[in-house]
Amino acid sequence: MAISQKIGQDSEGRQIFVSDVNGNPTDTVDHDLDDILADYLQHSEGKLVPSEYRFSVDRSSISEDTLNVNPQFYLPDLNETLRQVERVDELDGWSVTSIGQIEPGVRVFKGPRLRTDNIIVPPASSGQKNVEPYFTPSAILQDKRDSVKWLDMSRASSRQLKAFDAVRVYKGDLLVTRSGSIGRVAYITGALDGAIVSDDAIRIRIKDTDLRAYVYAFLQVKASQDQLMINEYGAVQQHLEPAHVSDLRIPMPDDWTEVSDIIKSAKAFFTTKEALDEKQSSMRSGF
């Protein structure tokens, strides 16, 4: 298996050339396909030296149920991270579970795809009755959140209104980007309570505040991000599904004082984020 890191052209088909020491392009196309071919021939002779993106796997490791032959799923480094997480289960006082089973009633979902073209209005309409902002995940991650669309909800059909209600986020929700730059995590503050956010973000809704803080902290680290990368799919733009987030393996202590500092730090971040959003709103409305 192999994953090309340099295909020799950009997304529009324009060739990319190797640069010289001065940064000037040469006549050599910048790609790694010759290296991939060379490693395949080495593999055929039983001489392959595995690397990060070129390696072999046993046929028996490919599930007959799914026939998943996406090399991303088998990347050695990512799977080593998963094995390290699983080995925590062997330590005294620790176990490993999935985020989808971290507490009864936890929800991990993305909501329906929204149709908005018939109710989009100009930014100048913001502040008018029935006009609401529509956020993308990238807008949620911004401090000013200027990258929004404005929707006149009075024009929406009953079916659209139901869909919008299904994707509203609420204070305390955790959002994970699932398209493009996957795995970026946002915490929903009171300033965004009830906001409409596109289905390009997976929602994690956890009632217990300590568990919520612990999961948020875990989603920031390599042990979580590598697991997400194992499951990403898509040739041009990468994607994740809620099941991939729900199935993330997460270490759990028997004694929660073991991770009290992590939880305190995450909660302090939540408090700071709330204050920042309030000050940002107050500052801008003051003008």
Protein backbone atom coordinates (compact mmCIF):
# COMPACT_ATOMS: atom_id res chain seq x y z
CA MET A 1 0.00 0.00 0.00
CA ALA A 2 1.12 3.57 -0.64
CA ILE A 3 -0.15 7.13 -0.35
CA SER A 4 1.25 9.72 -2.73
CA GLN A 5 2.32 12.91 -0.97
CA LYS A 6 3.29 14.76 -4.17
CA ILE A 7 1.30 14.10 -7.32
CA GLY A 8 3.08 16.66 -9.52
CA GLN A 9 0.13 18.96 -10.10
CA ASP A 10 -2.25 21.21 -8.21
CA SER A 11 -6.00 20.78 -7.79
CA GLU A 12 -6.60 22.43 -11.18
CA GLY A 13 -4.18 20.21 -13.08
CA ARG A 14 -1.30 22.69 -13.36
CA GLN A 15 2.09 21.01 -13.11
CA ILE A 16 4.28 21.62 -10.07
CA PHE A 17 8.05 21.59 -10.57
CA VAL A 18 10.94 20.91 -8.20
CA SER A 19 12.61 24.13 -7.01
CA ASP A 20 16.37 24.68 -6.94
CA VAL A 21 18.31 25.95 -3.92
CA ASN A 22 17.29 29.52 -4.78
CA GLY A 23 13.60 28.68 -4.88
CA ASN A 24 13.35 28.83 -8.68
CA PRO A 25 11.39 26.10 -10.50
CA THR A 26 13.35 23.54 -12.55
CA ASP A 27 12.14 21.38 -15.46
CA THR A 28 11.62 18.38 -13.14
CA VAL A 29 8.02 17.59 -12.17
CA ASP A 30 7.67 17.32 -8.37
CA HIS A 31 6.09 13.93 -7.67
CA ASP A 32 6.78 10.71 -5.76
CA LEU A 33 5.22 8.18 -8.14
CA ASP A 34 8.63 6.86 -9.25
CA ASP A 35 9.49 6.22 -5.58
CA ILE A 36 6.18 4.41 -5.09
CA LEU A 37 6.85 2.23 -8.15
CA ALA A 38 10.38 1.47 -6.95
CA ASP A 39 9.08 0.41 -3.54
CA TYR A 40 6.39 -1.75 -5.15
CA LEU A 41 9.07 -3.57 -7.15
CA GLN A 42 11.06 -4.01 -3.93
CA HIS A 43 7.93 -5.41 -2.29
CA SER A 44 7.46 -7.86 -5.19
CA GLU A 45 10.96 -9.17 -4.50
CA GLY A 46 10.38 -9.34 -0.74
CA LYS A 47 12.87 -6.54 -0.09
CA LEU A 48 10.60 -3.62 0.85
CA VAL A 49 11.86 -1.38 3.63
CA PRO A 50 8.62 0.08 5.05
CA SER A 51 8.30 3.84 5.43
CA GLU A 52 5.58 6.14 6.74
CA TYR A 53 3.53 6.17 3.53
CA ARG A 54 4.75 3.00 1.70
CA PHE A 55 4.30 -0.32 3.44
CA SER A 56 2.69 -3.75 3.14
CA VAL A 57 -0.13 -5.37 5.10
CA ASP A 58 -1.27 -8.97 5.41
CA ARG A 59 -4.35 -9.85 3.39
CA SER A 60 -5.82 -11.35 6.56
CA SER A 61 -5.91 -7.88 8.15
CA ILE A 62 -8.37 -6.63 5.50
CA SER A 63 -11.92 -7.25 6.67
CA GLU A 64 -13.96 -9.42 4.32
CA ASP A 65 -17.06 -7.53 5.47
CA THR A 66 -15.95 -4.09 4.30
CA LEU A 67 -12.98 -4.84 1.99
CA ASN A 68 -11.49 -1.55 3.18
CA VAL A 69 -8.38 -1.01 1.02
CA ASN A 70 -7.91 2.67 1.92
CA PRO A 71 -4.18 2.87 2.83
CA GLN A 72 -4.94 5.61 5.38
CA PHE A 73 -6.67 2.99 7.54
CA TYR A 74 -3.48 0.90 7.72
CA LEU A 75 -0.82 3.60 8.21
CA PRO A 76 1.72 2.11 10.65
CA ASP A 77 2.27 5.24 12.75
CA LEU A 78 -1.44 5.87 13.24
CA ASN A 79 -2.14 2.27 14.17
CA GLU A 80 0.75 2.29 16.62
CA THR A 81 -0.96 5.21 18.38
CA LEU A 82 -4.18 3.19 18.56
CA ARG A 83 -2.27 0.23 20.03
CA GLN A 84 -0.72 2.52 22.65
CA VAL A 85 -4.17 3.73 23.68
CA GLU A 86 -5.47 0.17 23.88
CA ARG A 87 -2.51 -0.86 26.05
CA VAL A 88 -3.68 1.60 28.72
CA ASP A 89 -6.40 -1.00 29.43
CA GLU A 90 -3.66 -3.24 30.84
CA LEU A 91 -2.62 -0.70 33.48
CA ASP A 92 -3.93 -0.97 37.04
CA GLY A 93 -6.61 1.62 37.72
CA TRP A 94 -7.33 2.31 34.06
CA SER A 95 -9.69 1.10 31.35
CA VAL A 96 -10.35 2.04 27.74
CA THR A 97 -13.79 2.76 26.32
CA SER A 98 -15.26 4.69 23.38
CA ILE A 99 -16.55 8.25 23.45
CA GLY A 100 -19.97 6.92 22.43
CA GLN A 101 -20.09 4.90 25.67
CA ILE A 102 -18.55 7.41 28.03
CA GLU A 103 -21.88 8.06 29.77
CA PRO A 104 -25.52 6.98 29.30
CA GLY A 105 -27.29 9.25 26.85
CA VAL A 106 -24.18 10.76 25.22
CA ARG A 107 -25.01 11.98 21.69
CA VAL A 108 -22.61 12.09 18.73
CA PHE A 109 -24.29 13.31 15.54
CA LYS A 110 -24.04 15.71 12.60
CA GLY A 111 -27.63 16.63 11.67
CA PRO A 112 -29.19 16.85 8.20
CA ARG A 113 -27.78 18.66 5.17
CA LEU A 114 -29.35 22.13 5.02
CA ARG A 115 -30.92 23.83 2.01
CA THR A 116 -30.47 27.58 2.42
CA ASP A 117 -30.36 29.12 -1.06
CA ASN A 118 -34.00 30.30 -0.94
CA ILE A 119 -33.69 32.14 2.39
CA ILE A 120 -30.21 33.72 2.25
CA VAL A 121 -30.32 37.51 2.63
CA PRO A 122 -27.58 40.18 2.42
CA PRO A 123 -25.40 40.84 5.50
CA ALA A 124 -27.09 44.24 5.80
CA SER A 125 -30.22 42.35 6.91
CA SER A 126 -28.55 41.19 10.12
CA GLY A 127 -30.38 42.49 13.17
CA GLN A 128 -33.76 42.40 11.45
CA LYS A 129 -36.59 40.33 12.86
CA ASN A 130 -36.45 36.61 11.94
CA VAL A 131 -32.92 36.94 10.45
CA GLU A 132 -30.38 34.54 11.98
CA PRO A 133 -26.71 33.78 11.30
CA TYR A 134 -25.75 30.45 9.75
CA PHE A 135 -22.28 29.30 10.82
CA THR A 136 -19.78 27.03 9.15
CA PRO A 137 -17.32 25.18 11.42
CA SER A 138 -14.54 27.55 10.32
CA ALA A 139 -16.66 30.52 11.44
CA ILE A 140 -17.21 28.87 14.83
CA LEU A 141 -13.43 28.62 15.23
CA GLN A 142 -12.94 32.33 14.48
CA ASP A 143 -12.90 34.98 17.19
CA LYS A 144 -14.93 37.52 15.19
CA ARG A 145 -17.04 34.91 13.32
CA ASP A 146 -17.46 37.09 10.26
CA SER A 147 -17.66 34.15 7.83
CA VAL A 148 -21.39 33.62 8.20
CA LYS A 149 -24.48 33.62 6.01
CA TRP A 150 -27.67 35.36 7.05
CA LEU A 151 -30.99 33.53 6.82
CA ASP A 152 -34.49 35.01 6.84
CA MET A 153 -36.28 32.29 8.78
CA SER A 154 -39.70 33.74 7.88
CA ARG A 155 -39.11 32.45 4.34
CA ALA A 156 -38.30 28.91 5.47
CA SER A 157 -40.72 26.04 4.94
CA SER A 158 -41.84 23.90 7.86
CA ARG A 159 -39.51 21.16 6.63
CA GLN A 160 -36.57 23.57 6.59
CA LEU A 161 -37.41 24.87 10.07
CA LYS A 162 -37.36 21.31 11.38
CA ALA A 163 -33.95 20.72 9.78
CA PHE A 164 -32.58 23.96 11.25
CA ASP A 165 -33.74 22.96 14.72
CA ALA A 166 -31.92 19.63 14.30
CA VAL A 167 -28.57 21.35 13.70
CA ARG A 168 -28.76 24.03 16.38
CA VAL A 169 -25.94 23.85 18.88
CA TYR A 170 -26.16 24.62 22.57
CA LYS A 171 -23.87 25.82 25.32
CA GLY A 172 -21.53 23.00 26.32
CA ASP A 173 -21.61 21.17 22.98
CA LEU A 174 -18.29 20.06 21.54
CA LEU A 175 -17.87 20.33 17.76
CA VAL A 176 -15.39 18.37 15.63
CA THR A 177 -14.81 19.44 12.03
CA ARG A 178 -15.51 16.57 9.66
CA SER A 179 -14.70 17.96 6.19
CA GLY A 180 -11.48 19.40 4.81
CA SER A 181 -9.29 20.09 7.86
CA ILE A 182 -10.76 17.34 9.98
CA GLY A 183 -10.46 17.00 13.74
CA ARG A 184 -10.45 20.66 14.79
CA VAL A 185 -12.41 21.04 18.02
CA ALA A 186 -14.62 23.88 19.24
CA TYR A 187 -16.46 24.50 22.50
CA ILE A 188 -19.86 26.17 22.22
CA THR A 189 -20.23 29.10 24.61
CA GLY A 190 -23.35 30.90 25.75
CA ALA A 191 -22.86 33.43 22.94
CA LEU A 192 -23.64 30.64 20.44
CA ASP A 193 -26.37 28.92 22.43
CA GLY A 194 -29.07 27.90 19.92
CA ALA A 195 -27.01 28.90 16.86
CA ILE A 196 -27.46 27.19 13.48
CA VAL A 197 -24.27 25.38 12.44
CA SER A 198 -23.80 23.36 9.25
CA ASP A 199 -23.57 19.58 9.28
CA ASP A 200 -19.85 19.86 8.46
CA ALA A 201 -19.28 19.70 12.22
CA ILE A 202 -19.95 16.60 14.31
CA ARG A 203 -21.63 17.38 17.61
CA ILE A 204 -20.71 15.71 20.90
CA ARG A 205 -23.25 16.32 23.65
CA ILE A 206 -22.16 15.18 27.14
CA LYS A 207 -24.17 16.07 30.25
CA ASP A 208 -21.54 15.47 32.92
CA THR A 209 -19.36 18.59 33.06
CA ASP A 210 -16.23 16.75 34.24
CA LEU A 211 -16.55 14.16 31.47
CA ARG A 212 -17.18 16.92 28.93
CA ALA A 213 -13.97 18.69 29.99
CA TYR A 214 -11.99 15.44 29.93
CA VAL A 215 -13.21 14.52 26.44
CA TYR A 216 -12.48 18.04 25.15
CA ALA A 217 -8.90 17.78 26.43
CA PHE A 218 -8.48 14.31 24.90
CA LEU A 219 -9.69 15.52 21.51
CA GLN A 220 -6.75 17.96 21.41
CA VAL A 221 -3.98 15.39 21.65
CA LYS A 222 -2.20 13.05 19.23
CA ALA A 223 -3.83 9.95 20.72
CA SER A 224 -7.18 11.28 19.50
CA GLN A 225 -6.11 13.04 16.30
CA ASP A 226 -4.30 9.95 14.97
CA GLN A 227 -7.43 7.86 15.49
CA LEU A 228 -9.46 10.39 13.50
CA MET A 229 -6.90 10.30 10.69
CA ILE A 230 -7.16 6.51 10.50
CA ASN A 231 -10.82 6.84 9.58
CA GLU A 232 -10.77 9.86 7.27
CA TYR A 233 -11.79 9.17 3.69
CA GLY A 234 -12.08 11.04 0.40
CA ALA A 235 -9.75 11.51 -2.57
CA VAL A 236 -9.90 15.32 -2.85
CA GLN A 237 -11.47 16.51 0.41
CA GLN A 238 -11.20 14.47 3.58
CA HIS A 239 -14.31 13.50 5.54
CA LEU A 240 -15.34 11.90 8.82
CA GLU A 241 -18.64 10.48 10.03
CA PRO A 242 -20.17 10.59 13.53
CA ALA A 243 -19.49 6.85 13.98
CA HIS A 244 -15.75 7.54 13.65
CA VAL A 245 -15.90 10.04 16.54
CA SER A 246 -18.24 7.86 18.59
CA ASP A 247 -15.84 4.91 18.25
CA LEU A 248 -12.74 6.87 19.36
CA ARG A 249 -10.95 4.91 22.07
CA ILE A 250 -10.34 6.98 25.20
CA PRO A 251 -8.49 6.04 28.43
CA MET A 252 -10.60 6.22 31.60
CA PRO A 253 -9.22 6.33 35.16
CA ASP A 254 -10.85 4.48 38.05
CA ASP A 255 -9.79 7.37 40.29
CA TRP A 256 -10.69 10.69 38.71
CA THR A 257 -8.22 12.58 40.92
CA GLU A 258 -5.60 11.12 38.55
CA VAL A 259 -6.82 13.52 35.85
CA SER A 260 -8.13 16.36 38.01
CA ASP A 261 -5.52 18.80 36.65
CA ILE A 262 -6.60 18.03 33.06
CA ILE A 263 -10.25 18.61 33.92
CA LYS A 264 -9.49 21.85 35.80
CA SER A 265 -7.47 23.17 32.86
CA ALA A 266 -10.23 22.35 30.38
CA LYS A 267 -12.87 23.97 32.57
CA ALA A 268 -10.68 27.05 32.99
CA PHE A 269 -10.44 27.21 29.20
CA PHE A 270 -14.25 27.03 28.94
CA THR A 271 -14.60 29.88 31.45
CA THR A 272 -12.03 31.98 29.58
CA LYS A 273 -13.73 31.27 26.26
CA GLU A 274 -17.07 32.40 27.69
CA ALA A 275 -15.50 35.63 28.93
CA LEU A 276 -13.76 36.28 25.59
CA ASP A 277 -17.00 35.85 23.66
CA GLU A 278 -18.80 38.22 26.03
CA LYS A 279 -16.07 40.87 25.71
CA GLN A 280 -15.94 40.46 21.93
CA SER A 281 -19.69 41.00 21.68
CA SER A 282 -19.63 43.96 24.08
CA MET A 283 -16.70 45.57 22.28
CA ARG A 284 -18.27 45.37 18.84
CA SER A 285 -21.79 46.36 19.90
CA GLY A 286 -20.34 49.40 21.66
CA PHE A 287 -19.48 50.91 18.29
